[in-house]
Structure formats: structure tokens, C-alpha cells
């Protein structure tokens, strides 16, 4: 199941990058991205979000996310 969600996430991230101008044209410029990244940087923010989502999807697909979460939060969560 993790593999399917990871593969779906990779596909969505690809579509975000492929159609970034269409998405920004539909939603309009993002105020926070324009403020902190400069004018016309909503597309850059969308690409950064897609890249982060891509790595999150890859770690989900390979099972690395579970290992990372266990190593980071394992001492806080007891079974």
C-alpha cells in the first residue's frame, strides 16, 4: 500500500511541476510567496513544494519514512 501511495505522490508532484503556470494562472499569485521570495515567485514556491513532496513520496514508497519516524519519535511513543 505504501508503494501505491508513493507512486501516486510522485505522479502528483510531476503534474505540479509540469502544469505550474496553469495552476498559478487558476489560483492567482500567492501572497506569501510574492512577499518572501520576490515578485513572480509563486511558480518557484510551487516547484519547491513539489520537490519536497517528491522526496516525501519516495521515502514513503521505499519504507524509509517509517524508519525515520521510528528513529526520531521512537523514544516518545511506546507500544
Protein backbone atom coordinates (compact mmCIF):
# COMPACT_ATOMS: atom_id res chain seq x y z
CA UNK A 1 0.00 0.00 0.00
CA UNK A 2 2.91 2.35 0.74
CA UNK A 3 4.21 1.76 -2.77
CA UNK A 4 0.90 2.80 -4.33
CA UNK A 5 0.66 5.99 -2.25
CA UNK A 6 4.27 6.84 -3.02
CA UNK A 7 3.77 6.27 -6.73
CA UNK A 8 0.63 8.40 -6.66
CA UNK A 9 2.55 11.15 -4.86
CA UNK A 10 5.35 11.09 -7.43
CA UNK A 11 2.76 11.44 -10.19
CA UNK A 12 1.06 14.38 -8.49
CA UNK A 13 4.41 16.12 -7.96
CA UNK A 14 5.27 15.66 -11.63
CA UNK A 15 1.94 17.18 -12.62
CA UNK A 16 2.50 20.13 -10.26
CA UNK A 17 5.81 20.91 -11.95
CA UNK A 18 4.52 20.23 -15.48
CA UNK A 19 1.45 22.47 -15.15
CA UNK A 20 2.77 25.08 -12.72
CA UNK A 21 1.85 28.06 -14.92
CA UNK A 22 -1.68 26.76 -15.40
CA UNK A 23 -2.09 26.20 -11.65
CA UNK A 24 -0.79 29.68 -10.78
CA UNK A 25 -2.98 31.15 -13.53
CA UNK A 26 -6.00 29.43 -11.99
CA UNK A 27 -5.27 30.25 -8.35
CA UNK A 28 -3.58 33.60 -8.88
CA UNK A 29 -0.29 34.70 -7.32
CA UNK A 30 0.33 33.53 -3.78
CA UNK A 31 0.74 36.49 -1.46
CA UNK A 32 3.16 34.84 0.94
CA UNK A 33 5.40 33.61 -1.90
CA UNK A 34 5.44 37.01 -3.55
CA UNK A 35 6.27 38.66 -0.22
CA UNK A 36 9.08 36.35 0.91
CA UNK A 37 10.52 35.13 -2.41
CA UNK A 38 10.01 38.26 -4.52
CA UNK A 39 7.72 39.18 -7.36
CA UNK A 40 6.69 36.39 -9.71
CA UNK A 41 7.95 33.66 -7.38
CA UNK A 42 4.70 31.78 -6.89
CA UNK A 43 5.90 29.30 -9.52
CA UNK A 44 9.16 28.82 -7.60
CA UNK A 45 7.22 28.13 -4.41
CA UNK A 46 5.08 25.56 -6.23
CA UNK A 47 8.18 23.81 -7.57
CA UNK A 48 9.74 23.74 -4.08
CA UNK A 49 6.55 22.23 -2.66
CA UNK A 50 6.57 19.61 -5.44
CA UNK A 51 10.23 18.72 -4.79
CA UNK A 52 9.57 18.27 -1.07
CA UNK A 53 6.51 16.17 -1.91
CA UNK A 54 8.59 14.08 -4.32
CA UNK A 55 11.17 13.18 -1.68
CA UNK A 56 8.40 12.50 0.85
CA UNK A 57 6.74 10.17 -1.69
CA UNK A 58 9.99 8.34 -2.43
CA UNK A 59 10.66 7.78 1.27
CA UNK A 60 7.09 6.53 1.70
CA UNK A 61 7.43 4.18 -1.26
CA UNK A 62 10.66 2.63 -0.03
CA UNK A 63 9.61 2.42 3.63
CA UNK A 64 12.32 4.84 4.74
CA UNK A 65 9.75 7.22 6.20
CA UNK A 66 8.69 4.62 8.77
CA UNK A 67 12.31 4.04 9.79
CA UNK A 68 12.99 7.77 10.07
CA UNK A 69 9.87 8.38 12.16
CA UNK A 70 10.70 5.45 14.45
CA UNK A 71 14.23 6.70 15.00
CA UNK A 72 13.10 10.28 15.65
CA UNK A 73 9.96 9.63 17.68
CA UNK A 74 10.58 6.10 18.96
CA UNK A 75 11.56 7.25 22.44
CA UNK A 76 8.37 9.33 22.75
CA UNK A 77 5.98 6.65 21.55
CA UNK A 78 5.87 3.38 23.48
CA UNK A 79 3.93 0.38 22.20
